[in-house]
Amino acid sequence: MSLGQRLGRLASHLQDPQKVACFQQLCGVEALPNRSAAAAADPREDDKEAEAPLTGDSRWRGRQPGAPGGPQPPGSELNQCPAKLGGGGGGAPNGVRNGLAAELGPAQPWRAGALRRNSLSSEEGELVARVSNWPLYYLFSLGTELGNELFYVTFFPFWIWNLDPLVGRRLVCIWVLVMYLGQCTKDIIRWPRPASPPVVKLEVFYNSEYSMPSTHAMSGTAIPLSMVLLTYGRWQYPLVYGLILVPCWCFLVSLSRIYLGMHSILDVIAGFLYTILIFAVFYPFVDLLDNFNQTHKYAPFITIGLHLALGIFSFTLDTWSTSRGDTAEILGSGAGIACGSHVTYRMGLLVDPPLDSLPLTIPPITITLLGKAMLRFLIGMAFTLLVRHAMKKITIPLACKIFSIPCDDIRKARQHMEVELPYRYITYGMVGFSITCLVPYIFFFIGIS
């Protein structure tokens, strides 16, 4: 057997959804075939169903497997995302639900609950799942959040406002590159998510995206690795801390995606190796890119144009899925942070320490230091969220008006490229600009910089 055949067999083995199901069972996740199984597991379910019309609990009312609005059997047309039916491409259509989805939320092992869903996705459905190991459930839920928007929108600003602006900016540069290449690669390869059954889907938020490679695994590798590479030698701390942080962070995020049923073992391994390859090629240029963004006269125009061109290219790779908006958010945030750092550098608000002062020492932790850090974070986040809300209210109706797209249904309107691209790019571009320019100016104005 040739080496290529061996690698092909290994890849097929690692992509097997049964391996994901076995890992879930090992961690205490078990799918129950339907609601009647849950009722058999605990007779109180019959009482809850009878009370539903009185309590207004729409989760149970009129929902039978195979009925409209309820969980559909595998292969049913109602299990398909309308935005993706009939889409072309080499792999399975993006957005196809791979069977039934499992409950998200630690209610009781026998209870069925509403899934965490994307507001733009057509994904619906409920299925009971038995979760017997709640510590692992919470641990892996935390791990998957390390690759979601809530983490990014708090982690990067905290670094820039309170720890080290230079490291924060360069973290963002690496994150934008890694995530953009990962999202585009997904839409080129077009491999579907692991099939369910046998996999239990504990999350459907990103189920309309393709699977290979895992961008959560890429982010979970890139961020801790970048933190260690960018801070060691610049700050005084034992290297062993970084050597512990990187594998723990990476394994937690990667295993969480298998646990939730969103990726195969091959997906997360490919995501890890892909990130290492990106680092080997592009990391030596991160310093040059950051210096260019800050000091070059025309850096803002070049950055905005480049990121916008990359966004338009990624939007034409395939039909709509949640990856389109995520890619626009990533590029917009990166462009906004780069432009904000350019303006901040010109204004002299965030001055990097001189090279002769390196390595920097970690200051003693005091109440005053913690208080100012929390005050900066709370004020900065409040202003950033206000900017995000205001830009959303402005850009969506404006884009709909310019491109003559009906705006009565915001969810459908945002699935149009003409709306989603400018909305996501401009909104998150302003968010990034606020993080590196407007918020530091507020800190300087009120005396907490």
Protein backbone atom coordinates (compact mmCIF):
# COMPACT_ATOMS: atom_id res chain seq x y z
CA MET A 1 0.00 0.00 0.00
CA SER A 2 1.41 3.36 -1.03
CA LEU A 3 1.91 6.28 1.32
CA GLY A 4 -0.91 8.20 -0.37
CA GLN A 5 -3.32 5.31 0.16
CA ARG A 6 -2.32 5.03 3.81
CA LEU A 7 -2.86 8.74 4.35
CA GLY A 8 -6.23 8.50 2.60
CA ARG A 9 -7.33 5.66 4.86
CA LEU A 10 -6.13 7.55 7.92
CA ALA A 11 -8.03 10.68 6.85
CA SER A 12 -11.18 8.65 6.24
CA HIS A 13 -10.78 7.05 9.66
CA LEU A 14 -10.36 10.40 11.41
CA GLN A 15 -13.33 11.88 9.55
CA ASP A 16 -15.70 9.06 10.58
CA PRO A 17 -18.66 10.59 12.49
CA GLN A 18 -18.86 7.41 14.56
CA LYS A 19 -15.58 8.45 16.22
CA VAL A 20 -17.21 11.74 17.24
CA ALA A 21 -20.22 9.86 18.61
CA CYS A 22 -17.94 7.54 20.58
CA PHE A 23 -16.12 10.53 22.10
CA GLN A 24 -19.45 12.09 23.07
CA GLN A 25 -20.61 8.86 24.69
CA LEU A 26 -17.31 8.63 26.54
CA CYS A 27 -17.94 12.15 27.87
CA GLY A 28 -21.49 11.32 28.97
CA VAL A 29 -23.56 12.58 26.02
CA GLU A 30 -26.23 10.24 24.72
CA ALA A 31 -28.98 10.95 22.20
CA LEU A 32 -32.52 9.79 22.91
CA PRO A 33 -34.38 8.92 19.71
CA ASN A 34 -37.48 11.02 20.32
CA ARG A 35 -39.59 12.79 22.90
CA SER A 36 -41.38 9.60 23.90
CA ALA A 37 -38.04 8.21 25.03
CA ALA A 38 -37.61 11.21 27.29
CA ALA A 39 -41.07 10.69 28.72
CA ALA A 40 -40.24 7.06 29.38
CA ALA A 41 -37.06 8.13 31.12
CA ASP A 42 -39.07 10.35 33.43
CA PRO A 43 -42.89 10.25 33.66
CA ARG A 44 -42.96 13.93 34.63
CA GLU A 45 -42.56 14.75 30.94
CA ASP A 46 -46.19 13.75 30.32
CA ASP A 47 -47.28 16.22 32.99
CA LYS A 48 -45.14 18.97 31.45
CA GLU A 49 -46.66 18.28 28.04
CA ALA A 50 -50.17 18.43 29.40
CA GLU A 51 -49.45 21.72 31.14
CA ALA A 52 -47.83 23.34 28.09
CA PRO A 53 -51.02 24.89 26.65
CA LEU A 54 -51.68 26.48 30.03
CA THR A 55 -48.18 27.74 30.70
CA GLY A 56 -47.52 28.93 27.17
CA ASP A 57 -44.51 26.64 26.72
CA SER A 58 -44.29 26.50 22.94
CA ARG A 59 -41.46 23.99 23.04
CA TRP A 60 -43.90 21.09 23.38
CA ARG A 61 -47.11 22.35 21.84
CA GLY A 62 -47.95 20.46 18.67
CA ARG A 63 -44.41 19.34 18.03
CA GLN A 64 -44.11 15.78 16.86
CA PRO A 65 -41.22 14.23 14.97
CA GLY A 66 -41.86 14.80 11.31
CA ALA A 67 -44.47 17.51 11.86
CA PRO A 68 -43.95 21.04 10.58
CA GLY A 69 -42.15 23.17 13.15
CA GLY A 70 -40.86 20.17 15.07
CA PRO A 71 -37.88 17.86 14.81
CA GLN A 72 -37.70 16.24 11.41
CA PRO A 73 -36.41 12.76 10.63
CA PRO A 74 -33.04 12.57 8.88
CA GLY A 75 -33.34 13.22 5.16
CA SER A 76 -36.52 15.26 5.44
CA GLU A 77 -36.63 18.38 3.27
CA LEU A 78 -37.64 20.36 6.35
CA ASN A 79 -34.21 19.58 7.76
CA GLN A 80 -32.63 21.65 5.01
CA CYS A 81 -31.73 25.31 5.24
CA PRO A 82 -33.74 27.07 2.50
CA ALA A 83 -30.93 29.52 1.84
CA LYS A 84 -28.72 26.68 0.67
CA LEU A 85 -31.00 24.23 -1.12
CA GLY A 86 -29.93 23.74 -4.68
CA GLY A 87 -26.53 25.34 -4.08
CA GLY A 88 -23.70 24.09 -6.21
CA GLY A 89 -20.32 22.97 -5.12
CA GLY A 90 -18.23 19.92 -4.70
CA GLY A 91 -19.34 18.92 -1.20
CA ALA A 92 -22.64 18.66 0.56
CA PRO A 93 -24.73 21.84 0.32
CA ASN A 94 -23.72 24.31 2.97
CA GLY A 95 -26.43 24.77 5.56
CA VAL A 96 -27.86 21.24 5.33
CA ARG A 97 -28.75 20.04 8.75
CA ASN A 98 -27.12 16.68 9.36
CA GLY A 99 -30.12 15.04 11.01
CA LEU A 100 -31.47 15.93 14.38
CA ALA A 101 -29.92 18.40 16.75
CA ALA A 102 -29.50 17.96 20.45
CA GLU A 103 -30.39 20.08 23.40
CA LEU A 104 -28.15 22.86 24.53
CA GLY A 105 -28.38 23.71 28.16
CA PRO A 106 -27.92 21.98 31.49
CA ALA A 107 -31.55 21.55 32.50
CA GLN A 108 -31.95 17.85 33.37
CA PRO A 109 -30.46 14.85 31.55
CA TRP A 110 -33.91 13.89 30.28
CA ARG A 111 -35.25 17.31 29.33
CA ALA A 112 -35.43 18.73 25.85
CA GLY A 113 -34.70 22.42 25.44
CA ALA A 114 -34.37 25.05 22.75
CA LEU A 115 -31.16 25.05 20.75
CA ARG A 116 -28.79 27.98 20.62
CA ARG A 117 -29.41 29.18 17.08
CA ASN A 118 -28.12 31.86 14.76
CA SER A 119 -30.67 34.63 14.19
CA LEU A 120 -29.94 34.52 10.43
CA SER A 121 -30.15 30.76 10.09
CA SER A 122 -33.24 28.74 9.26
CA GLU A 123 -32.14 26.05 11.67
CA GLU A 124 -34.85 24.98 14.09
CA GLY A 125 -35.62 21.88 16.07
CA GLU A 126 -35.28 20.21 19.40
CA LEU A 127 -34.18 16.81 20.55
CA VAL A 128 -33.71 15.33 23.95
CA ALA A 129 -30.21 14.31 24.92
CA ARG A 130 -28.94 12.70 28.06
CA VAL A 131 -25.95 14.55 29.53
CA SER A 132 -24.63 12.68 32.53
CA ASN A 133 -21.34 14.52 33.09
CA TRP A 134 -22.14 18.18 33.73
CA PRO A 135 -18.59 19.27 34.69
CA LEU A 136 -17.40 18.23 31.22
CA TYR A 137 -20.40 19.95 29.63
CA TYR A 138 -19.55 23.26 31.31
CA LEU A 139 -15.83 22.84 30.62
CA PHE A 140 -16.32 22.26 26.89
CA SER A 141 -18.96 25.00 26.68
CA LEU A 142 -16.31 27.35 28.06
CA GLY A 143 -13.81 25.99 25.55
CA THR A 144 -16.04 26.64 22.54
CA GLU A 145 -16.76 30.18 23.79
CA LEU A 146 -13.03 30.90 23.44
CA GLY A 147 -13.65 30.87 19.69
CA ASN A 148 -16.86 32.91 19.61
CA GLU A 149 -17.60 36.60 19.11
CA LEU A 150 -18.28 37.34 22.79
CA PHE A 151 -14.76 36.28 23.68
CA TYR A 152 -13.12 38.25 20.87
CA VAL A 153 -15.03 41.45 21.60
CA THR A 154 -13.85 41.40 25.22
CA PHE A 155 -10.41 39.80 24.98
CA PHE A 156 -8.77 42.01 22.35
CA PRO A 157 -10.01 45.33 23.82
CA PHE A 158 -8.84 44.31 27.29
CA TRP A 159 -5.35 43.64 25.96
CA ILE A 160 -5.21 46.96 24.11
CA TRP A 161 -6.64 49.08 26.94
CA ASN A 162 -5.06 47.47 29.99
CA LEU A 163 -2.12 45.20 29.17
CA ASP A 164 -0.02 45.98 26.09
CA PRO A 165 -1.37 47.84 23.03
CA LEU A 166 1.46 46.62 20.80
CA VAL A 167 0.82 42.96 21.65
CA GLY A 168 -2.92 43.52 21.29
CA ARG A 169 -2.59 45.02 17.81
CA ARG A 170 -0.35 42.23 16.58
CA LEU A 171 -2.62 39.60 18.10
CA VAL A 172 -5.42 41.06 16.01
CA CYS A 173 -3.27 41.02 12.85
CA ILE A 174 -2.52 37.32 13.30
CA TRP A 175 -6.11 36.48 14.23
CA VAL A 176 -7.51 38.25 11.15
CA LEU A 177 -5.13 36.42 8.81
CA VAL A 178 -5.69 32.99 10.35
CA MET A 179 -9.47 33.30 10.54
CA TYR A 180 -9.83 34.71 7.03
CA LEU A 181 -7.78 31.93 5.47
CA GLY A 182 -9.68 29.36 7.52
CA GLN A 183 -13.11 30.65 6.47
CA CYS A 184 -12.13 30.82 2.80
CA THR A 185 -10.65 27.32 2.92
CA LYS A 186 -13.95 26.00 4.30
CA ASP A 187 -15.83 27.39 1.32
CA ILE A 188 -13.30 25.97 -1.13
CA ILE A 189 -13.19 22.42 0.29
CA ARG A 190 -16.92 22.33 1.16
CA TRP A 191 -16.97 19.33 3.47
CA PRO A 192 -20.17 18.88 5.50
CA ARG A 193 -20.46 18.76 9.27
CA PRO A 194 -20.42 15.32 10.94
CA ALA A 195 -23.65 13.44 10.22
CA SER A 196 -26.31 13.25 12.89
CA PRO A 197 -27.13 10.52 13.73
CA PRO A 198 -24.84 9.10 15.00
CA VAL A 199 -23.44 12.45 16.21
CA VAL A 200 -25.42 14.43 18.79
CA LYS A 201 -25.54 18.12 17.81
CA LEU A 202 -25.29 20.12 21.03
CA GLU A 203 -24.91 23.31 18.97
CA VAL A 204 -26.40 24.52 15.68
CA PHE A 205 -25.20 28.13 15.77
CA TYR A 206 -22.58 27.52 13.05
CA ASN A 207 -24.20 24.45 11.50
CA SER A 208 -24.84 26.26 8.19
CA GLU A 209 -21.08 26.57 7.63
CA TYR A 210 -18.82 23.94 6.19
CA SER A 211 -16.59 21.85 8.41
CA MET A 212 -13.01 21.58 7.11
CA PRO A 213 -10.89 23.01 8.70
CA SER A 214 -12.13 23.89 12.17
CA THR A 215 -11.70 27.65 12.55
CA HIS A 216 -12.30 27.25 16.29
CA ALA A 217 -9.24 24.97 16.40
CA MET A 218 -7.32 27.50 14.30
CA SER A 219 -8.24 30.35 16.63
CA GLY A 220 -7.55 28.16 19.67
CA THR A 221 -4.06 27.54 18.33
CA ALA A 222 -3.26 31.00 16.96
CA ILE A 223 -4.24 33.11 19.97
CA PRO A 224 -2.27 31.38 22.76
CA LEU A 225 0.70 30.73 20.47
CA SER A 226 0.74 34.40 19.45
CA MET A 227 0.48 35.51 23.07
CA VAL A 228 3.58 33.52 24.00
CA LEU A 229 5.62 34.49 20.93
CA LEU A 230 4.74 38.18 21.25
CA THR A 231 5.21 38.52 25.00
CA TYR A 232 8.16 36.29 25.81
CA GLY A 233 11.28 38.44 25.84
CA ARG A 234 9.14 41.57 25.89
CA TRP A 235 7.82 40.80 29.39
CA GLN A 236 9.61 39.04 32.21
CA TYR A 237 7.90 35.75 33.08
CA PRO A 238 8.90 32.08 33.13
CA LEU A 239 8.61 30.40 29.73
CA VAL A 240 7.07 27.35 31.34
CA TYR A 241 3.84 29.34 31.82
CA GLY A 242 3.55 29.76 28.06
CA LEU A 243 4.43 26.13 27.41
CA ILE A 244 1.53 25.12 29.65
CA LEU A 245 -0.91 27.70 28.29
CA VAL A 246 -0.62 26.85 24.58
CA PRO A 247 -1.47 23.10 24.65
CA CYS A 248 -4.14 23.50 27.34
CA TRP A 249 -5.94 26.27 25.43
CA CYS A 250 -5.59 24.48 22.11
CA PHE A 251 -6.81 21.10 23.38
CA LEU A 252 -9.74 22.63 25.27
CA VAL A 253 -11.06 24.52 22.24
CA SER A 254 -10.44 21.65 19.80
CA LEU A 255 -12.00 18.95 21.97
CA SER A 256 -15.00 21.18 22.67
CA ARG A 257 -15.89 21.18 18.97
CA ILE A 258 -15.84 17.39 18.86
CA TYR A 259 -17.82 17.19 22.09
CA LEU A 260 -20.53 19.50 20.72
CA GLY A 261 -20.72 17.44 17.53
CA MET A 262 -19.65 20.25 15.20
CA HIS A 263 -16.37 18.84 13.88
CA SER A 264 -14.68 15.55 13.16
CA ILE A 265 -11.27 14.64 14.56
CA LEU A 266 -9.76 15.33 11.13
CA ASP A 267 -11.24 18.84 11.10
CA VAL A 268 -9.54 19.93 14.31
CA ILE A 269 -6.21 18.28 13.43
CA ALA A 270 -6.25 20.01 10.04
CA GLY A 271 -7.10 23.32 11.73
CA PHE A 272 -4.12 22.97 14.08
CA LEU A 273 -1.66 22.02 11.32
CA TYR A 274 -2.99 24.74 9.00
CA THR A 275 -2.39 27.35 11.69
CA ILE A 276 1.18 26.17 12.23
CA LEU A 277 1.77 26.46 8.47
CA ILE A 278 0.35 30.01 8.41
CA PHE A 279 2.59 30.95 11.33
CA ALA A 280 5.68 29.55 9.65
CA VAL A 281 5.04 31.65 6.53
CA PHE A 282 3.60 34.91 7.85
CA TYR A 283 4.74 35.42 11.45
CA PRO A 284 8.11 36.97 10.48
CA PHE A 285 6.18 39.81 8.76
CA VAL A 286 3.87 40.72 11.68
CA ASP A 287 6.21 43.42 13.02
CA LEU A 288 6.57 44.98 9.58
CA LEU A 289 2.80 44.98 9.08
CA ASP A 290 2.11 46.61 12.44
CA ASN A 291 4.75 49.29 11.83
CA PHE A 292 3.31 49.92 8.37
CA ASN A 293 -0.21 50.34 9.79
CA GLN A 294 1.04 52.90 12.30
CA THR A 295 3.56 54.93 10.39
CA HIS A 296 2.90 54.82 6.63
CA LYS A 297 1.16 57.90 5.29
CA TYR A 298 -1.34 56.00 3.16
CA ALA A 299 -1.72 52.95 5.41
CA PRO A 300 -5.43 53.53 6.23
CA PHE A 301 -6.44 53.75 2.55
CA ILE A 302 -4.39 50.68 1.61
CA THR A 303 -5.70 48.67 4.57
CA ILE A 304 -9.35 49.55 3.96
CA GLY A 305 -9.10 48.80 0.25
CA LEU A 306 -7.29 45.49 0.76
CA HIS A 307 -9.68 44.24 3.44
CA LEU A 308 -12.70 45.29 1.40
CA ALA A 309 -11.37 43.49 -1.68
CA LEU A 310 -10.76 40.34 0.33
CA GLY A 311 -14.29 40.57 1.73
CA ILE A 312 -15.84 40.85 -1.74
CA PHE A 313 -13.80 37.87 -2.92
CA SER A 314 -14.92 35.71 0.01
CA PHE A 315 -18.56 36.66 -0.56
CA THR A 316 -18.43 35.25 -4.10
CA LEU A 317 -17.03 31.86 -3.13
CA ASP A 318 -20.39 30.26 -2.41
CA THR A 319 -24.03 31.00 -1.67
CA TRP A 320 -25.08 32.47 1.66
CA SER A 321 -24.06 31.02 4.98
CA THR A 322 -23.08 32.44 8.35
CA SER A 323 -19.42 32.35 7.28
CA ARG A 324 -20.03 35.33 4.96
CA GLY A 325 -20.96 37.61 7.82
CA ASP A 326 -18.23 36.23 10.07
CA THR A 327 -15.61 36.90 7.40
CA ALA A 328 -16.84 40.48 6.92
CA GLU A 329 -16.74 41.03 10.71
CA ILE A 330 -13.18 39.74 10.91
CA LEU A 331 -11.95 41.90 8.02
CA GLY A 332 -13.85 44.96 9.19
CA SER A 333 -12.53 44.64 12.74
CA GLY A 334 -8.98 44.21 11.49
CA ALA A 335 -9.23 47.25 9.20
CA GLY A 336 -10.79 49.38 11.94
CA ILE A 337 -8.16 48.48 14.52
CA ALA A 338 -5.35 49.13 12.03
CA CYS A 339 -6.77 52.54 11.07
CA GLY A 340 -7.40 53.43 14.69
CA SER A 341 -3.82 52.57 15.63
CA HIS A 342 -2.59 54.82 12.81
CA VAL A 343 -4.60 57.79 14.10
CA THR A 344 -3.64 57.06 17.71
CA TYR A 345 0.03 56.94 16.76
CA ARG A 346 -0.26 60.31 15.02
CA MET A 347 -1.99 61.80 18.07
CA GLY A 348 0.52 60.28 20.51
CA LEU A 349 -2.17 58.71 22.72
CA LEU A 350 -0.77 55.16 22.95
CA VAL A 351 3.02 55.32 22.93
CA ASP A 352 4.88 52.00 22.93
CA PRO A 353 7.74 51.79 25.45
CA PRO A 354 11.25 52.36 24.02
CA LEU A 355 13.29 49.29 23.12
CA ASP A 356 15.94 50.03 25.75
CA SER A 357 13.29 49.56 28.49
CA LEU A 358 12.66 45.95 27.49
CA PRO A 359 12.00 43.47 28.95
CA LEU A 360 9.09 44.96 30.83
CA THR A 361 8.35 43.90 34.39
CA ILE A 362 4.87 42.98 35.54
CA PRO A 363 3.74 45.71 37.97
CA PRO A 364 2.51 44.78 41.45
CA ILE A 365 -1.21 44.07 41.57
CA THR A 366 -2.90 46.75 43.68
CA ILE A 367 -6.48 47.82 44.30
CA THR A 368 -5.84 51.07 42.41
CA LEU A 369 -4.42 49.21 39.42
CA LEU A 370 -7.34 46.77 39.31
CA GLY A 371 -9.86 49.56 39.80
CA LYS A 372 -8.53 51.62 36.90
CA ALA A 373 -8.36 48.55 34.69
CA MET A 374 -11.98 47.64 35.40
CA LEU A 375 -13.07 51.25 34.93
CA ARG A 376 -11.35 51.42 31.55
CA PHE A 377 -12.86 48.13 30.51
CA LEU A 378 -16.42 49.02 31.54
CA ILE A 379 -16.34 52.51 30.00
CA GLY A 380 -14.67 51.23 26.85
CA MET A 381 -17.08 48.33 26.37
CA ALA A 382 -20.12 50.55 26.96
CA PHE A 383 -18.93 53.00 24.32
CA THR A 384 -17.99 50.21 21.88
CA LEU A 385 -21.39 48.52 22.19
CA LEU A 386 -23.09 51.88 21.71
CA VAL A 387 -21.12 52.42 18.49
CA ARG A 388 -22.00 48.92 17.31
CA HIS A 389 -25.72 49.44 17.96
CA ALA A 390 -25.77 52.85 16.28
CA MET A 391 -23.91 51.66 13.18
CA LYS A 392 -26.20 48.65 12.86
CA LYS A 393 -29.27 50.89 12.93
CA ILE A 394 -27.76 53.13 10.26
CA THR A 395 -26.08 50.76 7.82
CA ILE A 396 -28.78 48.10 7.33
CA PRO A 397 -31.62 50.46 6.26
CA LEU A 398 -29.18 52.55 4.22
CA ALA A 399 -27.85 49.52 2.32
CA CYS A 400 -31.39 48.27 1.73
CA LYS A 401 -32.37 51.65 0.34
CA ILE A 402 -29.33 51.96 -1.91
CA PHE A 403 -29.71 48.47 -3.41
CA SER A 404 -33.56 48.48 -3.43
CA ILE A 405 -33.87 45.49 -1.10
CA PRO A 406 -37.00 45.15 1.06
CA CYS A 407 -36.20 46.02 4.66
CA ASP A 408 -39.36 44.78 6.35
CA ASP A 409 -37.68 41.45 7.19
CA ILE A 410 -34.22 42.28 8.54
CA ARG A 411 -33.15 38.63 8.69
CA LYS A 412 -33.80 38.06 4.99
CA ALA A 413 -32.39 41.43 4.02
CA ARG A 414 -29.10 40.67 5.78
CA GLN A 415 -28.69 37.51 3.74
CA HIS A 416 -28.17 39.62 0.62
CA MET A 417 -24.50 40.25 -0.12
CA GLU A 418 -25.26 43.90 -0.94
CA VAL A 419 -26.55 44.40 2.62
CA GLU A 420 -24.44 42.03 4.66
CA LEU A 421 -21.07 43.11 3.29
CA PRO A 422 -21.38 46.87 3.98
CA TYR A 423 -23.31 46.31 7.23
CA ARG A 424 -20.80 43.94 8.77
CA TYR A 425 -17.72 45.62 7.34
CA ILE A 426 -18.65 49.20 8.27
CA THR A 427 -20.16 48.34 11.66
CA TYR A 428 -17.25 46.26 12.87
CA GLY A 429 -14.78 48.58 11.22
CA MET A 430 -16.12 51.36 13.43
CA VAL A 431 -16.00 49.01 16.42
CA GLY A 432 -12.32 48.32 15.73
CA PHE A 433 -11.62 52.04 15.19
CA SER A 434 -13.30 52.81 18.51
CA ILE A 435 -11.18 50.23 20.33
CA THR A 436 -7.84 51.68 19.21
CA CYS A 437 -8.67 55.37 18.77
CA LEU A 438 -11.93 56.75 20.18
CA VAL A 439 -11.90 54.87 23.47
CA PRO A 440 -8.21 55.69 24.25
CA TYR A 441 -9.04 59.34 23.56
CA ILE A 442 -11.90 59.13 26.09
CA PHE A 443 -9.49 57.60 28.62
CA PHE A 444 -7.03 60.44 27.98
CA PHE A 445 -9.78 63.06 28.27
CA ILE A 446 -11.08 61.82 31.64
CA GLY A 447 -7.63 61.06 33.01
CA ILE A 448 -7.58 57.24 33.30
CA SER A 449 -5.23 56.42 30.41
